[in-house]
Protein backbone atom coordinates (compact mmCIF):
# COMPACT_ATOMS: atom_id res chain seq x y z
CA MET A 1 -16.54 22.94 -56.78
CA GLY A 2 -18.24 20.96 -54.17
CA ILE A 3 -18.57 16.28 -54.85
CA VAL A 4 -21.63 15.68 -57.20
CA LYS A 5 -24.68 13.73 -55.67
CA GLU A 6 -26.35 11.21 -57.77
CA PRO A 7 -30.31 11.96 -57.52
CA LEU A 8 -32.45 9.57 -56.21
CA HIS A 9 -34.42 7.18 -58.94
CA ILE A 10 -32.11 8.28 -62.05
CA ASP A 11 -30.19 5.57 -63.72
CA PHE A 12 -27.11 7.47 -64.80
CA VAL A 13 -23.88 7.54 -62.80
CA VAL A 14 -21.65 10.76 -61.52
CA GLU A 15 -17.70 9.89 -62.89
CA ASN A 16 -16.26 12.41 -60.03
CA ARG A 17 -12.71 11.96 -61.03
CA PRO A 18 -10.20 14.68 -62.58
CA LEU A 19 -9.06 15.35 -66.47
CA THR A 20 -5.97 13.78 -67.07
CA LYS A 21 -4.26 16.02 -68.96
CA ALA A 22 -4.64 14.55 -72.11
CA GLU A 23 -8.73 15.91 -72.11
CA GLU A 24 -7.89 19.13 -70.59
CA LYS A 25 -5.88 19.73 -74.29
CA GLN A 26 -8.93 18.78 -76.04
CA ILE A 27 -11.28 20.67 -73.76
CA SER A 28 -9.32 23.62 -74.35
CA ASP A 29 -8.61 23.89 -78.00
CA TYR A 30 -12.45 22.63 -78.25
CA ILE A 31 -12.96 26.43 -76.41
CA THR A 32 -10.84 27.67 -78.87
CA SER A 33 -11.86 26.78 -81.76
CA GLN A 34 -14.72 27.92 -81.30
CA ARG A 35 -14.09 30.82 -80.04
CA LYS A 36 -12.79 31.49 -83.58
CA LYS A 37 -15.71 30.96 -85.45
CA GLY A 38 -17.34 32.99 -83.68
CA GLU A 39 -15.61 36.00 -83.67
CA LEU A 40 -15.38 34.61 -87.38
CA LYS A 41 -18.94 35.09 -88.05
CA HIS A 42 -18.83 38.31 -85.65
CA ASN A 43 -15.91 39.91 -88.85
CA ALA A 44 -18.35 38.46 -91.24
CA SER A 45 -21.44 39.53 -90.68
CA ALA A 46 -19.48 43.33 -89.91
CA ARG A 47 -18.38 42.88 -93.35
CA THR A 48 -21.67 42.96 -94.09
CA LEU A 49 -22.77 45.53 -92.42
CA LYS A 50 -20.51 48.67 -93.90
CA ASN A 51 -20.67 46.73 -96.88
CA LYS A 52 -25.03 46.37 -97.14
CA GLN A 53 -24.17 50.98 -95.52
CA LYS A 54 -21.50 51.79 -98.63
CA ALA A 55 -23.80 50.81 -101.07
CA ASN A 56 -26.51 53.44 -100.00
């Protein structure tokens, strides 16, 4: 990735610094938890569909 340049007439600052190990771990843990939530949701909907098919 290249350096992000600050747009003209925008009142925020882009902080271009590397992540610390703690920040990397936090992001990684968050992504992992979100993937697990998605898998659980997918598995639950798949079970619901199977149960509906059995009932019919």
